[in-house]
């Protein structure tokens, strides 16, 4: 099997899985109920949701560049932001081609030659740092929630917060010593990234006139963000919605509202990522800083 054929088969499989999951969701809830929920959305709150999502991505790009600088790729923040946006576009709209992370890694290695292993490591840690804070915030929300679902695991959840950070630090120390000096800075940026995305979802909730169970909806969003990273679907389509569906069932939330939140967040992501098409046709030229 050629590499080109293998990529096409993987893409086809992802599309099929996404389609099956979306179909499955609408066998469990009525599409008209979800559409009715979305029709109630307030445009002003949606604008603020979009604004905070964009801010989260700018911060995420700065975090990525923190790793690049640490491995000797001194790319400017503006150039890196353009490259990051192009990567978002590739991840969502060109799943059959080169992935966003793979393209960023290719460009950085070609331009600065820090070594393929260092580039791959920096991109991997960038993702893992984000997932760490998704997990930490999810635990914090679970502790704050009054939902009975979390009560049996209360102390276990509290213990998991510092334990996860310590484990991640030791993994960095043992396997990624080159980037260890920026560990706490990357964690700080990740905290800001996930916090601004939580604010984004709060505005989505406001736009849908959801005033109850805010903590639980935010918890489900964080869990869905972790699940969507698993590369089984196109841009997390389907996997995020299924997580919202079952999260709503387990926590006693409104299922149509949950799916409405998920779809709204996806549309905001897609709209932002679409701007990366500019740099698909005019590849960003990387500028360096001292």
C-alpha atoms as a PDB file:
ATOM      1  CA  UNK A   1       0.000   0.000   0.000  1.00  0.00           C
ATOM      2  CA  UNK A   2       1.384   3.378  -1.027  1.00  0.00           C
ATOM      3  CA  UNK A   3       1.584   6.278   1.451  1.00  0.00           C
ATOM      4  CA  UNK A   4      -0.865   8.295  -0.649  1.00  0.00           C
ATOM      5  CA  UNK A   5      -3.437   5.480  -0.652  1.00  0.00           C
ATOM      6  CA  UNK A   6      -2.986   4.933   3.083  1.00  0.00           C
ATOM      7  CA  UNK A   7      -3.730   8.617   3.788  1.00  0.00           C
ATOM      8  CA  UNK A   8      -6.839   8.489   1.594  1.00  0.00           C
ATOM      9  CA  UNK A   9      -8.107   5.396   3.412  1.00  0.00           C
ATOM     10  CA  UNK A  10      -7.483   6.959   6.836  1.00  0.00           C
ATOM     11  CA  UNK A  11      -9.319  10.129   5.757  1.00  0.00           C
ATOM     12  CA  UNK A  12     -12.233   8.101   4.390  1.00  0.00           C
ATOM     13  CA  UNK A  13     -12.407   6.154   7.648  1.00  0.00           C
ATOM     14  CA  UNK A  14     -12.442   9.371   9.706  1.00  0.00           C
ATOM     15  CA  UNK A  15     -15.244  10.804   7.546  1.00  0.00           C
ATOM     16  CA  UNK A  16     -17.256   7.600   7.961  1.00  0.00           C
ATOM     17  CA  UNK A  17     -16.754   7.593  11.747  1.00  0.00           C
ATOM     18  CA  UNK A  18     -17.791  11.271  11.982  1.00  0.00           C
ATOM     19  CA  UNK A  19     -20.885  10.622   9.859  1.00  0.00           C
ATOM     20  CA  UNK A  20     -21.860   7.535  11.880  1.00  0.00           C
ATOM     21  CA  UNK A  21     -21.467   9.405  15.173  1.00  0.00           C
ATOM     22  CA  UNK A  22     -23.552  12.359  13.952  1.00  0.00           C
ATOM     23  CA  UNK A  23     -26.228   9.948  12.693  1.00  0.00           C
ATOM     24  CA  UNK A  24     -26.149   8.136  16.029  1.00  0.00           C
ATOM     25  CA  UNK A  25     -26.665  11.410  17.909  1.00  0.00           C
ATOM     26  CA  UNK A  26     -29.801  12.221  15.947  1.00  0.00           C
ATOM     27  CA  UNK A  27     -31.247   8.790  16.618  1.00  0.00           C
ATOM     28  CA  UNK A  28     -31.122   9.761  20.298  1.00  0.00           C
ATOM     29  CA  UNK A  29     -32.438  13.330  20.078  1.00  0.00           C
ATOM     30  CA  UNK A  30     -34.613  15.283  17.645  1.00  0.00           C
ATOM     31  CA  UNK A  31     -32.807  17.516  15.164  1.00  0.00           C
ATOM     32  CA  UNK A  32     -35.665  20.021  15.343  1.00  0.00           C
ATOM     33  CA  UNK A  33     -35.076  20.408  19.094  1.00  0.00           C
ATOM     34  CA  UNK A  34     -31.419  21.255  18.511  1.00  0.00           C
ATOM     35  CA  UNK A  35     -32.313  23.711  15.729  1.00  0.00           C
ATOM     36  CA  UNK A  36     -34.912  25.306  17.991  1.00  0.00           C
ATOM     37  CA  UNK A  37     -32.218  25.756  20.646  1.00  0.00           C
ATOM     38  CA  UNK A  38     -29.822  27.347  18.131  1.00  0.00           C
ATOM     39  CA  UNK A  39     -32.523  29.722  16.813  1.00  0.00           C
ATOM     40  CA  UNK A  40     -32.732  31.308  20.261  1.00  0.00           C
ATOM     41  CA  UNK A  41     -29.062  32.303  20.246  1.00  0.00           C
ATOM     42  CA  UNK A  42     -28.194  35.940  20.925  1.00  0.00           C
ATOM     43  CA  UNK A  43     -25.807  37.361  18.238  1.00  0.00           C
ATOM     44  CA  UNK A  44     -24.083  39.734  20.676  1.00  0.00           C
ATOM     45  CA  UNK A  45     -23.123  36.941  23.067  1.00  0.00           C
ATOM     46  CA  UNK A  46     -22.000  34.846  20.090  1.00  0.00           C
ATOM     47  CA  UNK A  47     -19.719  37.696  19.007  1.00  0.00           C
ATOM     48  CA  UNK A  48     -18.084  37.726  22.448  1.00  0.00           C
ATOM     49  CA  UNK A  49     -17.776  33.922  22.309  1.00  0.00           C
ATOM     50  CA  UNK A  50     -15.983  34.251  18.958  1.00  0.00           C
ATOM     51  CA  UNK A  51     -13.755  37.003  20.347  1.00  0.00           C
ATOM     52  CA  UNK A  52     -12.616  34.937  23.328  1.00  0.00           C
ATOM     53  CA  UNK A  53     -12.057  31.898  21.107  1.00  0.00           C
ATOM     54  CA  UNK A  54      -9.769  33.953  18.868  1.00  0.00           C
ATOM     55  CA  UNK A  55      -7.917  35.231  21.946  1.00  0.00           C
ATOM     56  CA  UNK A  56      -7.462  31.631  23.126  1.00  0.00           C
ATOM     57  CA  UNK A  57      -5.878  30.707  19.807  1.00  0.00           C
ATOM     58  CA  UNK A  58      -3.525  33.692  19.866  1.00  0.00           C
ATOM     59  CA  UNK A  59      -2.345  32.627  23.329  1.00  0.00           C
ATOM     60  CA  UNK A  60      -2.007  29.023  22.123  1.00  0.00           C
ATOM     61  CA  UNK A  61       0.173  30.211  19.231  1.00  0.00           C
ATOM     62  CA  UNK A  62       2.405  32.097  21.685  1.00  0.00           C
ATOM     63  CA  UNK A  63       2.729  28.900  23.741  1.00  0.00           C
ATOM     64  CA  UNK A  64       3.765  26.958  20.642  1.00  0.00           C
ATOM     65  CA  UNK A  65       6.354  29.605  19.815  1.00  0.00           C
ATOM     66  CA  UNK A  66       7.714  29.319  23.346  1.00  0.00           C
ATOM     67  CA  UNK A  67       8.693  25.729  22.531  1.00  0.00           C
ATOM     68  CA  UNK A  68      10.035  26.704  19.098  1.00  0.00           C
ATOM     69  CA  UNK A  69      12.321  29.328  20.620  1.00  0.00           C
ATOM     70  CA  UNK A  70      13.543  26.842  23.212  1.00  0.00           C
ATOM     71  CA  UNK A  71      14.738  24.448  20.484  1.00  0.00           C
ATOM     72  CA  UNK A  72      16.454  27.246  18.559  1.00  0.00           C
ATOM     73  CA  UNK A  73      13.744  28.190  16.048  1.00  0.00           C
ATOM     74  CA  UNK A  74      13.526  31.933  16.742  1.00  0.00           C
ATOM     75  CA  UNK A  75      10.442  32.635  14.613  1.00  0.00           C
ATOM     76  CA  UNK A  76       8.653  35.945  15.195  1.00  0.00           C
ATOM     77  CA  UNK A  77       5.276  35.938  16.952  1.00  0.00           C
ATOM     78  CA  UNK A  78       3.473  37.309  13.892  1.00  0.00           C
ATOM     79  CA  UNK A  79       4.972  34.725  11.537  1.00  0.00           C
ATOM     80  CA  UNK A  80       4.181  31.962  14.008  1.00  0.00           C
ATOM     81  CA  UNK A  81       0.586  33.179  14.350  1.00  0.00           C
ATOM     82  CA  UNK A  82       0.135  32.970  10.582  1.00  0.00           C
ATOM     83  CA  UNK A  83       1.637  29.470  10.587  1.00  0.00           C
ATOM     84  CA  UNK A  84      -0.638  28.465  13.483  1.00  0.00           C
ATOM     85  CA  UNK A  85      -3.748  29.714  11.649  1.00  0.00           C
ATOM     86  CA  UNK A  86      -2.717  27.804   8.528  1.00  0.00           C
ATOM     87  CA  UNK A  87      -2.309  24.698  10.681  1.00  0.00           C
ATOM     88  CA  UNK A  88      -5.864  25.151  12.010  1.00  0.00           C
ATOM     89  CA  UNK A  89      -7.140  25.369   8.433  1.00  0.00           C
ATOM     90  CA  UNK A  90      -5.299  22.203   7.408  1.00  0.00           C
ATOM     91  CA  UNK A  91      -6.554  20.274  10.430  1.00  0.00           C
ATOM     92  CA  UNK A  92     -10.197  21.061   9.755  1.00  0.00           C
ATOM     93  CA  UNK A  93     -10.589  21.634   6.022  1.00  0.00           C
ATOM     94  CA  UNK A  94      -7.849  19.526   4.428  1.00  0.00           C
ATOM     95  CA  UNK A  95      -7.896  16.312   6.479  1.00  0.00           C
ATOM     96  CA  UNK A  96      -6.709  14.261   3.524  1.00  0.00           C
ATOM     97  CA  UNK A  97      -3.572  16.328   3.133  1.00  0.00           C
ATOM     98  CA  UNK A  98      -0.770  17.091   5.530  1.00  0.00           C
ATOM     99  CA  UNK A  99      -1.991  17.720   9.087  1.00  0.00           C
ATOM    100  CA  UNK A 100      -1.624  21.124  10.704  1.00  0.00           C
ATOM    101  CA  UNK A 101       0.992  20.021  13.247  1.00  0.00           C
ATOM    102  CA  UNK A 102       2.903  18.037  10.644  1.00  0.00           C
ATOM    103  CA  UNK A 103       3.019  21.059   8.334  1.00  0.00           C
ATOM    104  CA  UNK A 104       4.217  23.383  11.106  1.00  0.00           C
ATOM    105  CA  UNK A 105       6.895  20.862  12.025  1.00  0.00           C
ATOM    106  CA  UNK A 106       7.998  20.530   8.397  1.00  0.00           C
ATOM    107  CA  UNK A 107       8.298  24.302   7.935  1.00  0.00           C
ATOM    108  CA  UNK A 108      10.188  24.853  11.194  1.00  0.00           C
ATOM    109  CA  UNK A 109      12.611  22.023  10.457  1.00  0.00           C
ATOM    110  CA  UNK A 110      13.195  23.226   6.897  1.00  0.00           C
ATOM    111  CA  UNK A 111      13.792  26.842   7.928  1.00  0.00           C
ATOM    112  CA  UNK A 112      15.757  26.455  11.183  1.00  0.00           C
ATOM    113  CA  UNK A 113      17.073  22.858  11.199  1.00  0.00           C
ATOM    114  CA  UNK A 114      16.719  22.265  14.968  1.00  0.00           C
ATOM    115  CA  UNK A 115      16.375  18.528  14.373  1.00  0.00           C
ATOM    116  CA  UNK A 116      13.270  16.492  13.599  1.00  0.00           C
ATOM    117  CA  UNK A 117      13.200  14.891  17.048  1.00  0.00           C
ATOM    118  CA  UNK A 118      13.214  18.280  18.792  1.00  0.00           C
ATOM    119  CA  UNK A 119      10.498  19.660  16.519  1.00  0.00           C
ATOM    120  CA  UNK A 120       8.230  16.645  17.031  1.00  0.00           C
ATOM    121  CA  UNK A 121       8.854  16.750  20.789  1.00  0.00           C
ATOM    122  CA  UNK A 122       7.992  20.453  21.018  1.00  0.00           C
ATOM    123  CA  UNK A 123       4.726  19.982  19.101  1.00  0.00           C
ATOM    124  CA  UNK A 124       3.810  16.952  21.203  1.00  0.00           C
ATOM    125  CA  UNK A 125       4.482  18.798  24.458  1.00  0.00           C
ATOM    126  CA  UNK A 126       2.484  21.752  23.187  1.00  0.00           C
ATOM    127  CA  UNK A 127      -0.550  19.457  22.819  1.00  0.00           C
ATOM    128  CA  UNK A 128       0.049  17.630  26.103  1.00  0.00           C
ATOM    129  CA  UNK A 129       0.402  20.888  28.004  1.00  0.00           C
ATOM    130  CA  UNK A 130      -3.007  21.924  26.744  1.00  0.00           C
ATOM    131  CA  UNK A 131      -4.545  18.565  27.672  1.00  0.00           C
ATOM    132  CA  UNK A 132      -3.047  18.795  31.164  1.00  0.00           C
ATOM    133  CA  UNK A 133      -4.917  22.034  31.849  1.00  0.00           C
ATOM    134  CA  UNK A 134      -8.108  20.637  30.326  1.00  0.00           C
ATOM    135  CA  UNK A 135      -7.850  17.834  32.874  1.00  0.00           C
ATOM    136  CA  UNK A 136      -6.974  20.160  35.774  1.00  0.00           C
ATOM    137  CA  UNK A 137      -9.855  22.554  35.051  1.00  0.00           C
ATOM    138  CA  UNK A 138     -12.246  19.612  34.620  1.00  0.00           C
ATOM    139  CA  UNK A 139     -11.237  18.334  38.056  1.00  0.00           C
ATOM    140  CA  UNK A 140     -11.679  21.799  39.570  1.00  0.00           C
ATOM    141  CA  UNK A 141     -15.172  22.109  38.098  1.00  0.00           C
ATOM    142  CA  UNK A 142     -16.067  18.607  39.296  1.00  0.00           C
ATOM    143  CA  UNK A 143     -15.044  19.617  42.828  1.00  0.00           C
ATOM    144  CA  UNK A 144     -17.154  22.800  42.625  1.00  0.00           C
ATOM    145  CA  UNK A 145     -20.177  20.959  41.226  1.00  0.00           C
ATOM    146  CA  UNK A 146     -22.997  19.919  43.538  1.00  0.00           C
ATOM    147  CA  UNK A 147     -23.995  17.114  41.168  1.00  0.00           C
ATOM    148  CA  UNK A 148     -24.240  13.748  42.925  1.00  0.00           C
ATOM    149  CA  UNK A 149     -22.294  12.104  40.116  1.00  0.00           C
ATOM    150  CA  UNK A 150     -19.039  13.572  41.475  1.00  0.00           C
ATOM    151  CA  UNK A 151     -19.604  13.151  45.211  1.00  0.00           C
ATOM    152  CA  UNK A 152     -18.256   9.586  45.438  1.00  0.00           C
ATOM    153  CA  UNK A 153     -14.962  10.668  43.818  1.00  0.00           C
ATOM    154  CA  UNK A 154     -14.515  13.984  45.649  1.00  0.00           C
ATOM    155  CA  UNK A 155     -11.135  13.362  47.333  1.00  0.00           C
ATOM    156  CA  UNK A 156      -9.827  11.327  44.415  1.00  0.00           C
ATOM    157  CA  UNK A 157     -10.555  14.244  42.090  1.00  0.00           C
ATOM    158  CA  UNK A 158      -8.807  16.698  44.417  1.00  0.00           C
ATOM    159  CA  UNK A 159      -5.728  14.447  44.632  1.00  0.00           C
ATOM    160  CA  UNK A 160      -5.650  14.069  40.835  1.00  0.00           C
ATOM    161  CA  UNK A 161      -4.962  17.795  40.301  1.00  0.00           C
ATOM    162  CA  UNK A 162      -1.457  18.083  41.834  1.00  0.00           C
ATOM    163  CA  UNK A 163      -0.644  14.484  40.881  1.00  0.00           C
ATOM    164  CA  UNK A 164      -1.264  15.149  37.181  1.00  0.00           C
ATOM    165  CA  UNK A 165       1.006  18.220  37.229  1.00  0.00           C
ATOM    166  CA  UNK A 166       3.797  16.340  39.045  1.00  0.00           C
ATOM    167  CA  UNK A 167       3.582  13.391  36.641  1.00  0.00           C
ATOM    168  CA  UNK A 168       3.707  15.699  33.627  1.00  0.00           C
ATOM    169  CA  UNK A 169       6.729  17.515  35.094  1.00  0.00           C
ATOM    170  CA  UNK A 170       8.596  14.228  35.593  1.00  0.00           C
ATOM    171  CA  UNK A 171       7.755  13.123  32.041  1.00  0.00           C
ATOM    172  CA  UNK A 172       9.230  16.404  30.802  1.00  0.00           C
ATOM    173  CA  UNK A 173      12.319  15.989  32.967  1.00  0.00           C
ATOM    174  CA  UNK A 174      12.960  12.397  31.905  1.00  0.00           C
ATOM    175  CA  UNK A 175      12.196  12.546  28.187  1.00  0.00           C
ATOM    176  CA  UNK A 176      12.180  16.207  27.099  1.00  0.00           C
ATOM    177  CA  UNK A 177      15.022  17.859  28.991  1.00  0.00           C
ATOM    178  CA  UNK A 178      15.592  20.423  26.218  1.00  0.00           C
ATOM    179  CA  UNK A 179      12.230  22.074  26.818  1.00  0.00           C
ATOM    180  CA  UNK A 180      12.122  21.679  30.607  1.00  0.00           C
ATOM    181  CA  UNK A 181      13.199  25.333  31.235  1.00  0.00           C
ATOM    182  CA  UNK A 182       9.902  26.557  29.730  1.00  0.00           C
ATOM    183  CA  UNK A 183       7.719  24.011  31.549  1.00  0.00           C
ATOM    184  CA  UNK A 184       6.022  26.434  33.959  1.00  0.00           C
ATOM    185  CA  UNK A 185       5.649  29.159  31.335  1.00  0.00           C
ATOM    186  CA  UNK A 186       3.913  26.680  29.000  1.00  0.00           C
ATOM    187  CA  UNK A 187       1.623  25.557  31.834  1.00  0.00           C
ATOM    188  CA  UNK A 188       0.787  29.212  32.505  1.00  0.00           C
ATOM    189  CA  UNK A 189      -0.058  29.843  28.851  1.00  0.00           C
ATOM    190  CA  UNK A 190      -2.122  26.638  28.763  1.00  0.00           C
ATOM    191  CA  UNK A 191      -4.047  27.841  31.808  1.00  0.00           C
ATOM    192  CA  UNK A 192      -4.869  31.069  29.937  1.00  0.00           C
ATOM    193  CA  UNK A 193      -5.808  29.187  26.752  1.00  0.00           C
ATOM    194  CA  UNK A 194      -8.307  26.932  28.509  1.00  0.00           C
ATOM    195  CA  UNK A 195      -9.620  29.758  30.690  1.00  0.00           C
ATOM    196  CA  UNK A 196     -10.428  31.920  27.663  1.00  0.00           C
ATOM    197  CA  UNK A 197     -12.116  28.952  25.989  1.00  0.00           C
ATOM    198  CA  UNK A 198     -14.223  28.426  29.112  1.00  0.00           C
ATOM    199  CA  UNK A 199     -15.236  32.097  28.898  1.00  0.00           C
ATOM    200  CA  UNK A 200     -16.077  31.459  25.232  1.00  0.00           C
ATOM    201  CA  UNK A 201     -18.417  28.624  26.258  1.00  0.00           C
ATOM    202  CA  UNK A 202     -19.958  30.766  29.016  1.00  0.00           C
ATOM    203  CA  UNK A 203     -20.904  33.309  26.350  1.00  0.00           C
ATOM    204  CA  UNK A 204     -22.321  30.479  24.211  1.00  0.00           C
ATOM    205  CA  UNK A 205     -24.432  29.447  27.209  1.00  0.00           C
ATOM    206  CA  UNK A 206     -25.542  33.068  27.626  1.00  0.00           C
ATOM    207  CA  UNK A 207     -26.419  33.274  23.940  1.00  0.00           C
ATOM    208  CA  UNK A 208     -28.650  30.197  24.327  1.00  0.00           C
ATOM    209  CA  UNK A 209     -30.227  31.623  27.520  1.00  0.00           C
ATOM    210  CA  UNK A 210     -28.825  28.802  29.657  1.00  0.00           C
ATOM    211  CA  UNK A 211     -28.594  29.993  33.260  1.00  0.00           C
ATOM    212  CA  UNK A 212     -28.643  26.682  35.153  1.00  0.00           C
ATOM    213  CA  UNK A 213     -25.990  23.945  35.537  1.00  0.00           C
ATOM    214  CA  UNK A 214     -23.226  26.175  34.119  1.00  0.00           C
ATOM    215  CA  UNK A 215     -20.466  24.288  35.953  1.00  0.00           C
ATOM    216  CA  UNK A 216     -21.705  20.948  34.626  1.00  0.00           C
ATOM    217  CA  UNK A 217     -21.919  22.186  31.028  1.00  0.00           C
ATOM    218  CA  UNK A 218     -18.380  23.581  31.285  1.00  0.00           C
ATOM    219  CA  UNK A 219     -17.168  20.252  32.705  1.00  0.00           C
ATOM    220  CA  UNK A 220     -18.674  18.343  29.772  1.00  0.00           C
ATOM    221  CA  UNK A 221     -17.082  20.820  27.355  1.00  0.00           C
ATOM    222  CA  UNK A 222     -13.617  20.202  28.837  1.00  0.00           C
ATOM    223  CA  UNK A 223     -14.046  16.435  28.678  1.00  0.00           C
ATOM    224  CA  UNK A 224     -15.268  16.716  25.077  1.00  0.00           C
ATOM    225  CA  UNK A 225     -12.171  18.788  24.236  1.00  0.00           C
ATOM    226  CA  UNK A 226      -9.944  15.994  25.551  1.00  0.00           C
ATOM    227  CA  UNK A 227     -11.899  13.369  23.586  1.00  0.00           C
ATOM    228  CA  UNK A 228     -11.825  15.436  20.382  1.00  0.00           C
ATOM    229  CA  UNK A 229      -8.001  15.350  20.381  1.00  0.00           C
ATOM    230  CA  UNK A 230      -8.142  11.590  19.681  1.00  0.00           C
ATOM    231  CA  UNK A 231      -7.605  11.428  15.883  1.00  0.00           C
ATOM    232  CA  UNK A 232     -10.599   9.221  15.035  1.00  0.00           C
ATOM    233  CA  UNK A 233     -12.784  11.847  13.366  1.00  0.00           C
ATOM    234  CA  UNK A 234     -12.456  14.941  11.171  1.00  0.00           C
ATOM    235  CA  UNK A 235     -11.645  17.871  13.440  1.00  0.00           C
ATOM    236  CA  UNK A 236     -13.345  16.155  16.377  1.00  0.00           C
ATOM    237  CA  UNK A 237     -16.722  16.250  14.581  1.00  0.00           C
ATOM    238  CA  UNK A 238     -18.963  13.596  16.083  1.00  0.00           C
ATOM    239  CA  UNK A 239     -16.732  12.631  18.980  1.00  0.00           C
ATOM    240  CA  UNK A 240     -17.297  15.986  20.716  1.00  0.00           C
ATOM    241  CA  UNK A 241     -21.063  15.756  20.166  1.00  0.00           C
ATOM    242  CA  UNK A 242     -21.267  12.194  21.478  1.00  0.00           C
ATOM    243  CA  UNK A 243     -19.372  13.296  24.599  1.00  0.00           C
ATOM    244  CA  UNK A 244     -21.838  16.147  25.101  1.00  0.00           C
ATOM    245  CA  UNK A 245     -24.761  13.753  24.610  1.00  0.00           C
ATOM    246  CA  UNK A 246     -23.635  11.212  27.184  1.00  0.00           C
ATOM    247  CA  UNK A 247     -22.303  13.900  29.510  1.00  0.00           C
ATOM    248  CA  UNK A 248     -25.795  15.404  29.504  1.00  0.00           C
ATOM    249  CA  UNK A 249     -27.336  12.008  30.260  1.00  0.00           C
ATOM    250  CA  UNK A 250     -24.977  11.271  33.175  1.00  0.00           C
ATOM    251  CA  UNK A 251     -25.229  14.725  34.719  1.00  0.00           C
ATOM    252  CA  UNK A 252     -28.947  15.255  34.132  1.00  0.00           C
ATOM    253  CA  UNK A 253     -28.536  18.109  31.630  1.00  0.00           C
ATOM    254  CA  UNK A 254     -30.730  19.008  28.684  1.00  0.00           C
ATOM    255  CA  UNK A 255     -29.491  16.938  25.743  1.00  0.00           C
ATOM    256  CA  UNK A 256     -30.637  19.282  22.965  1.00  0.00           C
ATOM    257  CA  UNK A 257     -28.964  22.218  24.693  1.00  0.00           C
ATOM    258  CA  UNK A 258     -25.740  20.199  25.078  1.00  0.00           C
ATOM    259  CA  UNK A 259     -25.637  19.359  21.375  1.00  0.00           C
ATOM    260  CA  UNK A 260     -26.479  22.989  20.563  1.00  0.00           C
ATOM    261  CA  UNK A 261     -23.467  24.140  22.608  1.00  0.00           C
ATOM    262  CA  UNK A 262     -21.232  21.639  20.829  1.00  0.00           C
ATOM    263  CA  UNK A 263     -22.413  22.660  17.346  1.00  0.00           C
ATOM    264  CA  UNK A 264     -22.044  26.356  18.153  1.00  0.00           C
ATOM    265  CA  UNK A 265     -18.490  25.860  19.388  1.00  0.00           C
ATOM    266  CA  UNK A 266     -17.661  23.881  16.237  1.00  0.00           C
ATOM    267  CA  UNK A 267     -19.055  26.641  13.996  1.00  0.00           C
ATOM    268  CA  UNK A 268     -16.921  29.225  15.836  1.00  0.00           C
ATOM    269  CA  UNK A 269     -13.870  26.972  15.388  1.00  0.00           C
ATOM    270  CA  UNK A 270     -14.634  26.453  11.689  1.00  0.00           C
ATOM    271  CA  UNK A 271     -15.154  30.179  11.059  1.00  0.00           C
ATOM    272  CA  UNK A 272     -11.845  31.052  12.700  1.00  0.00           C
ATOM    273  CA  UNK A 273      -9.965  28.236  10.961  1.00  0.00           C
ATOM    274  CA  UNK A 274     -11.353  29.256   7.574  1.00  0.00           C
ATOM    275  CA  UNK A 275      -9.247  32.429   7.641  1.00  0.00           C
ATOM    276  CA  UNK A 276      -6.194  30.177   7.343  1.00  0.00           C
ATOM    277  CA  UNK A 277      -7.063  29.666   3.668  1.00  0.00           C
ATOM    278  CA  UNK A 278      -5.348  33.029   3.033  1.00  0.00           C
ATOM    279  CA  UNK A 279      -1.994  31.475   3.924  1.00  0.00           C
ATOM    280  CA  UNK A 280      -2.736  28.283   2.014  1.00  0.00           C
ATOM    281  CA  UNK A 281      -2.518  30.201  -1.257  1.00  0.00           C
ATOM    282  CA  UNK A 282       0.155  32.604  -0.023  1.00  0.00           C
ATOM    283  CA  UNK A 283       2.405  30.666   2.304  1.00  0.00           C
ATOM    284  CA  UNK A 284       3.629  32.792   5.233  1.00  0.00           C
ATOM    285  CA  UNK A 285       7.283  33.748   5.069  1.00  0.00           C
ATOM    286  CA  UNK A 286       8.912  33.102   8.413  1.00  0.00           C
ATOM    287  CA  UNK A 287      10.674  36.071   9.956  1.00  0.00           C
ATOM    288  CA  UNK A 288      13.156  35.574  12.761  1.00  0.00           C
ATOM    289  CA  UNK A 289      13.871  37.501  15.938  1.00  0.00           C
ATOM    290  CA  UNK A 290      17.119  37.763  17.877  1.00  0.00           C
END
